[in-house]
Amino acid sequence: MEEIQDLLTGELFTPSRSDQKFANRQNQIRYNNLKARQKRRAKAEIDRTLDTNRTILKKLLGTKKEVIKSRDFLLGAGFHFGISTHKIEKDNKLWSCIYEYALVPIQDDMLLITIP
Protein backbone atom coordinates (compact mmCIF):
# COMPACT_ATOMS: atom_id res chain seq x y z
CA MET A 1 0.00 0.00 0.00
CA GLU A 2 1.02 3.58 -0.59
CA GLU A 3 2.08 5.86 2.26
CA ILE A 4 -0.07 8.89 3.05
CA GLN A 5 0.40 11.97 5.20
CA ASP A 6 -1.30 12.27 8.62
CA LEU A 7 -3.70 15.26 8.57
CA LEU A 8 -2.54 16.47 12.00
CA THR A 9 1.19 15.87 12.17
CA GLY A 10 2.11 15.54 8.50
CA GLU A 11 4.01 12.31 9.20
CA LEU A 12 3.99 9.61 6.54
CA PHE A 13 2.36 6.29 7.43
CA THR A 14 0.94 3.23 5.75
CA PRO A 15 -2.82 3.07 6.33
CA SER A 16 -4.38 -0.21 7.39
CA ARG A 17 -7.79 0.85 5.96
CA SER A 18 -8.66 2.63 2.72
CA ASP A 19 -10.37 5.49 4.59
CA GLN A 20 -7.68 6.01 7.25
CA LYS A 21 -6.42 9.63 7.44
CA PHE A 22 -4.41 9.56 10.69
CA ALA A 23 -1.42 7.56 11.83
CA ASN A 24 -3.14 6.74 15.14
CA ARG A 25 -6.36 7.32 17.09
CA GLN A 26 -4.80 10.01 19.33
CA ASN A 27 -3.98 12.17 16.28
CA GLN A 28 -7.56 11.79 15.03
CA ILE A 29 -9.01 12.83 18.40
CA ARG A 30 -6.62 15.80 18.73
CA TYR A 31 -7.38 16.94 15.16
CA ASN A 32 -11.15 16.78 15.71
CA ASN A 33 -10.86 18.57 19.07
CA LEU A 34 -8.85 21.37 17.44
CA LYS A 35 -11.47 21.74 14.70
CA ALA A 36 -14.29 21.85 17.29
CA ARG A 37 -12.40 24.47 19.34
CA GLN A 38 -11.94 26.66 16.24
CA LYS A 39 -15.65 26.42 15.49
CA ARG A 40 -16.61 27.32 19.09
CA ARG A 41 -14.26 30.33 19.09
CA ALA A 42 -15.66 31.57 15.78
CA LYS A 43 -19.23 31.44 17.13
CA ALA A 44 -18.49 32.54 20.71
CA GLU A 45 -19.34 36.26 20.46
CA ILE A 46 -22.68 35.69 18.73
CA ASP A 47 -23.58 32.79 21.03
CA ARG A 48 -22.78 34.94 24.08
CA THR A 49 -24.97 37.78 22.77
CA LEU A 50 -27.85 35.39 21.99
CA ASP A 51 -27.58 33.90 25.46
CA THR A 52 -27.64 37.35 27.07
CA ASN A 53 -30.67 38.36 24.99
CA ARG A 54 -32.49 35.14 25.88
CA THR A 55 -31.75 35.61 29.59
CA ILE A 56 -33.11 39.17 29.50
CA LEU A 57 -36.32 38.06 27.73
CA LYS A 58 -36.77 35.12 30.11
CA LYS A 59 -36.47 37.38 33.17
CA LEU A 60 -38.86 39.98 31.74
CA LEU A 61 -41.48 37.42 30.81
CA GLY A 62 -41.20 35.37 33.99
CA THR A 63 -44.42 33.35 34.32
CA LYS A 64 -46.44 35.77 32.15
CA LYS A 65 -47.59 34.84 28.67
CA GLU A 66 -46.60 38.22 27.23
CA VAL A 67 -45.27 41.59 28.31
CA ILE A 68 -44.86 45.00 26.63
CA LYS A 69 -41.60 46.93 27.02
CA SER A 70 -40.03 49.89 25.25
CA ARG A 71 -37.00 49.60 23.02
CA ASP A 72 -35.11 51.92 25.37
CA PHE A 73 -35.94 49.70 28.35
CA LEU A 74 -34.53 46.67 26.56
CA LEU A 75 -31.41 48.57 25.51
CA GLY A 76 -30.92 49.67 29.12
CA ALA A 77 -31.21 46.04 30.22
CA GLY A 78 -28.35 45.14 27.85
CA PHE A 79 -30.40 43.70 25.00
CA HIS A 80 -28.72 43.65 21.57
CA PHE A 81 -31.17 44.13 18.69
CA GLY A 82 -28.74 43.21 15.91
CA ILE A 83 -28.80 39.46 16.51
CA SER A 84 -31.70 37.02 16.43
CA THR A 85 -32.08 33.31 15.78
CA HIS A 86 -34.92 33.53 13.27
CA LYS A 87 -37.85 35.60 12.00
CA ILE A 88 -41.53 34.68 11.75
CA GLU A 89 -44.16 36.47 9.69
CA LYS A 90 -47.43 36.36 11.59
CA ASP A 91 -50.49 38.64 11.36
CA ASN A 92 -48.70 40.66 8.65
CA LYS A 93 -45.93 41.53 11.12
CA LEU A 94 -42.36 40.33 11.21
CA TRP A 95 -41.55 38.76 14.57
CA SER A 96 -37.89 38.75 15.53
CA CYS A 97 -37.12 35.65 17.61
CA ILE A 98 -34.43 34.72 20.12
CA TYR A 99 -34.83 30.95 20.46
CA GLU A 100 -38.32 30.42 21.95
CA TYR A 101 -39.04 34.12 22.58
CA ALA A 102 -40.42 36.61 20.06
CA LEU A 103 -40.36 40.40 19.87
CA VAL A 104 -43.22 42.03 17.98
CA PRO A 105 -43.25 45.77 17.23
CA ILE A 106 -46.65 47.14 18.26
CA GLN A 107 -46.51 50.96 18.36
CA ASP A 108 -43.84 53.64 18.32
CA ASP A 109 -40.91 52.09 20.19
CA MET A 110 -42.98 49.55 22.11
CA LEU A 111 -42.41 45.82 21.70
CA LEU A 112 -44.53 42.86 22.68
CA ILE A 113 -42.42 40.06 24.13
CA THR A 114 -44.09 36.65 23.90
CA ILE A 115 -43.63 32.96 23.21
CA PRO A 116 -45.12 32.26 19.76
C-alpha atoms as a PDB file:
ATOM      1  CA  MET A   1       0.000   0.000   0.000  1.00  0.00           C
ATOM      2  CA  GLU A   2       1.024   3.575  -0.594  1.00  0.00           C
ATOM      3  CA  GLU A   3       2.082   5.857   2.263  1.00  0.00           C
ATOM      4  CA  ILE A   4      -0.073   8.894   3.051  1.00  0.00           C
ATOM      5  CA  GLN A   5       0.400  11.966   5.196  1.00  0.00           C
ATOM      6  CA  ASP A   6      -1.301  12.265   8.621  1.00  0.00           C
ATOM      7  CA  LEU A   7      -3.704  15.256   8.567  1.00  0.00           C
ATOM      8  CA  LEU A   8      -2.543  16.474  12.004  1.00  0.00           C
ATOM      9  CA  THR A   9       1.185  15.865  12.172  1.00  0.00           C
ATOM     10  CA  GLY A  10       2.109  15.537   8.504  1.00  0.00           C
ATOM     11  CA  GLU A  11       4.014  12.310   9.203  1.00  0.00           C
ATOM     12  CA  LEU A  12       3.988   9.613   6.535  1.00  0.00           C
ATOM     13  CA  PHE A  13       2.359   6.292   7.434  1.00  0.00           C
ATOM     14  CA  THR A  14       0.942   3.226   5.746  1.00  0.00           C
ATOM     15  CA  PRO A  15      -2.823   3.073   6.326  1.00  0.00           C
ATOM     16  CA  SER A  16      -4.377  -0.210   7.389  1.00  0.00           C
ATOM     17  CA  ARG A  17      -7.793   0.850   5.956  1.00  0.00           C
ATOM     18  CA  SER A  18      -8.662   2.629   2.721  1.00  0.00           C
ATOM     19  CA  ASP A  19     -10.373   5.495   4.594  1.00  0.00           C
ATOM     20  CA  GLN A  20      -7.675   6.013   7.249  1.00  0.00           C
ATOM     21  CA  LYS A  21      -6.416   9.626   7.439  1.00  0.00           C
ATOM     22  CA  PHE A  22      -4.415   9.565  10.690  1.00  0.00           C
ATOM     23  CA  ALA A  23      -1.421   7.556  11.830  1.00  0.00           C
ATOM     24  CA  ASN A  24      -3.142   6.738  15.139  1.00  0.00           C
ATOM     25  CA  ARG A  25      -6.355   7.317  17.086  1.00  0.00           C
ATOM     26  CA  GLN A  26      -4.801  10.012  19.328  1.00  0.00           C
ATOM     27  CA  ASN A  27      -3.983  12.165  16.276  1.00  0.00           C
ATOM     28  CA  GLN A  28      -7.555  11.792  15.030  1.00  0.00           C
ATOM     29  CA  ILE A  29      -9.006  12.831  18.397  1.00  0.00           C
ATOM     30  CA  ARG A  30      -6.624  15.797  18.729  1.00  0.00           C
ATOM     31  CA  TYR A  31      -7.376  16.937  15.157  1.00  0.00           C
ATOM     32  CA  ASN A  32     -11.146  16.777  15.707  1.00  0.00           C
ATOM     33  CA  ASN A  33     -10.859  18.567  19.074  1.00  0.00           C
ATOM     34  CA  LEU A  34      -8.854  21.368  17.443  1.00  0.00           C
ATOM     35  CA  LYS A  35     -11.465  21.742  14.697  1.00  0.00           C
ATOM     36  CA  ALA A  36     -14.289  21.847  17.286  1.00  0.00           C
ATOM     37  CA  ARG A  37     -12.397  24.469  19.336  1.00  0.00           C
ATOM     38  CA  GLN A  38     -11.938  26.663  16.242  1.00  0.00           C
ATOM     39  CA  LYS A  39     -15.649  26.420  15.492  1.00  0.00           C
ATOM     40  CA  ARG A  40     -16.609  27.320  19.092  1.00  0.00           C
ATOM     41  CA  ARG A  41     -14.259  30.326  19.087  1.00  0.00           C
ATOM     42  CA  ALA A  42     -15.659  31.572  15.777  1.00  0.00           C
ATOM     43  CA  LYS A  43     -19.226  31.438  17.126  1.00  0.00           C
ATOM     44  CA  ALA A  44     -18.488  32.542  20.711  1.00  0.00           C
ATOM     45  CA  GLU A  45     -19.338  36.257  20.458  1.00  0.00           C
ATOM     46  CA  ILE A  46     -22.682  35.693  18.733  1.00  0.00           C
ATOM     47  CA  ASP A  47     -23.580  32.787  21.033  1.00  0.00           C
ATOM     48  CA  ARG A  48     -22.779  34.937  24.084  1.00  0.00           C
ATOM     49  CA  THR A  49     -24.975  37.780  22.771  1.00  0.00           C
ATOM     50  CA  LEU A  50     -27.848  35.395  21.994  1.00  0.00           C
ATOM     51  CA  ASP A  51     -27.576  33.895  25.460  1.00  0.00           C
ATOM     52  CA  THR A  52     -27.636  37.354  27.072  1.00  0.00           C
ATOM     53  CA  ASN A  53     -30.670  38.365  24.995  1.00  0.00           C
ATOM     54  CA  ARG A  54     -32.492  35.137  25.884  1.00  0.00           C
ATOM     55  CA  THR A  55     -31.748  35.609  29.592  1.00  0.00           C
ATOM     56  CA  ILE A  56     -33.115  39.168  29.498  1.00  0.00           C
ATOM     57  CA  LEU A  57     -36.316  38.062  27.735  1.00  0.00           C
ATOM     58  CA  LYS A  58     -36.769  35.124  30.106  1.00  0.00           C
ATOM     59  CA  LYS A  59     -36.470  37.378  33.174  1.00  0.00           C
ATOM     60  CA  LEU A  60     -38.856  39.980  31.743  1.00  0.00           C
ATOM     61  CA  LEU A  61     -41.475  37.416  30.810  1.00  0.00           C
ATOM     62  CA  GLY A  62     -41.204  35.366  33.989  1.00  0.00           C
ATOM     63  CA  THR A  63     -44.422  33.353  34.322  1.00  0.00           C
ATOM     64  CA  LYS A  64     -46.438  35.768  32.152  1.00  0.00           C
ATOM     65  CA  LYS A  65     -47.589  34.840  28.670  1.00  0.00           C
ATOM     66  CA  GLU A  66     -46.596  38.215  27.230  1.00  0.00           C
ATOM     67  CA  VAL A  67     -45.271  41.595  28.312  1.00  0.00           C
ATOM     68  CA  ILE A  68     -44.859  45.000  26.630  1.00  0.00           C
ATOM     69  CA  LYS A  69     -41.602  46.927  27.020  1.00  0.00           C
ATOM     70  CA  SER A  70     -40.028  49.887  25.255  1.00  0.00           C
ATOM     71  CA  ARG A  71     -37.003  49.600  23.016  1.00  0.00           C
ATOM     72  CA  ASP A  72     -35.105  51.920  25.374  1.00  0.00           C
ATOM     73  CA  PHE A  73     -35.944  49.697  28.354  1.00  0.00           C
ATOM     74  CA  LEU A  74     -34.531  46.671  26.559  1.00  0.00           C
ATOM     75  CA  LEU A  75     -31.411  48.571  25.510  1.00  0.00           C
ATOM     76  CA  GLY A  76     -30.921  49.674  29.117  1.00  0.00           C
ATOM     77  CA  ALA A  77     -31.210  46.041  30.223  1.00  0.00           C
ATOM     78  CA  GLY A  78     -28.351  45.138  27.852  1.00  0.00           C
ATOM     79  CA  PHE A  79     -30.404  43.696  25.000  1.00  0.00           C
ATOM     80  CA  HIS A  80     -28.716  43.652  21.571  1.00  0.00           C
ATOM     81  CA  PHE A  81     -31.166  44.129  18.691  1.00  0.00           C
ATOM     82  CA  GLY A  82     -28.740  43.214  15.908  1.00  0.00           C
ATOM     83  CA  ILE A  83     -28.805  39.465  16.507  1.00  0.00           C
ATOM     84  CA  SER A  84     -31.697  37.016  16.429  1.00  0.00           C
ATOM     85  CA  THR A  85     -32.076  33.307  15.779  1.00  0.00           C
ATOM     86  CA  HIS A  86     -34.919  33.526  13.273  1.00  0.00           C
ATOM     87  CA  LYS A  87     -37.850  35.598  11.998  1.00  0.00           C
ATOM     88  CA  ILE A  88     -41.533  34.677  11.750  1.00  0.00           C
ATOM     89  CA  GLU A  89     -44.156  36.466   9.686  1.00  0.00           C
ATOM     90  CA  LYS A  90     -47.435  36.360  11.592  1.00  0.00           C
ATOM     91  CA  ASP A  91     -50.490  38.636  11.360  1.00  0.00           C
ATOM     92  CA  ASN A  92     -48.698  40.658   8.649  1.00  0.00           C
ATOM     93  CA  LYS A  93     -45.929  41.533  11.120  1.00  0.00           C
ATOM     94  CA  LEU A  94     -42.355  40.333  11.212  1.00  0.00           C
ATOM     95  CA  TRP A  95     -41.552  38.760  14.566  1.00  0.00           C
ATOM     96  CA  SER A  96     -37.890  38.745  15.535  1.00  0.00           C
ATOM     97  CA  CYS A  97     -37.116  35.655  17.611  1.00  0.00           C
ATOM     98  CA  ILE A  98     -34.435  34.721  20.117  1.00  0.00           C
ATOM     99  CA  TYR A  99     -34.832  30.950  20.456  1.00  0.00           C
ATOM    100  CA  GLU A 100     -38.316  30.415  21.954  1.00  0.00           C
ATOM    101  CA  TYR A 101     -39.037  34.121  22.582  1.00  0.00           C
ATOM    102  CA  ALA A 102     -40.420  36.611  20.060  1.00  0.00           C
ATOM    103  CA  LEU A 103     -40.364  40.398  19.869  1.00  0.00           C
ATOM    104  CA  VAL A 104     -43.217  42.033  17.976  1.00  0.00           C
ATOM    105  CA  PRO A 105     -43.247  45.769  17.234  1.00  0.00           C
ATOM    106  CA  ILE A 106     -46.646  47.138  18.257  1.00  0.00           C
ATOM    107  CA  GLN A 107     -46.514  50.957  18.359  1.00  0.00           C
ATOM    108  CA  ASP A 108     -43.844  53.642  18.320  1.00  0.00           C
ATOM    109  CA  ASP A 109     -40.911  52.094  20.191  1.00  0.00           C
ATOM    110  CA  MET A 110     -42.978  49.548  22.107  1.00  0.00           C
ATOM    111  CA  LEU A 111     -42.415  45.817  21.696  1.00  0.00           C
ATOM    112  CA  LEU A 112     -44.533  42.861  22.680  1.00  0.00           C
ATOM    113  CA  ILE A 113     -42.416  40.055  24.134  1.00  0.00           C
ATOM    114  CA  THR A 114     -44.094  36.650  23.900  1.00  0.00           C
ATOM    115  CA  ILE A 115     -43.630  32.960  23.213  1.00  0.00           C
ATOM    116  CA  PRO A 116     -45.123  32.260  19.763  1.00  0.00           C
END
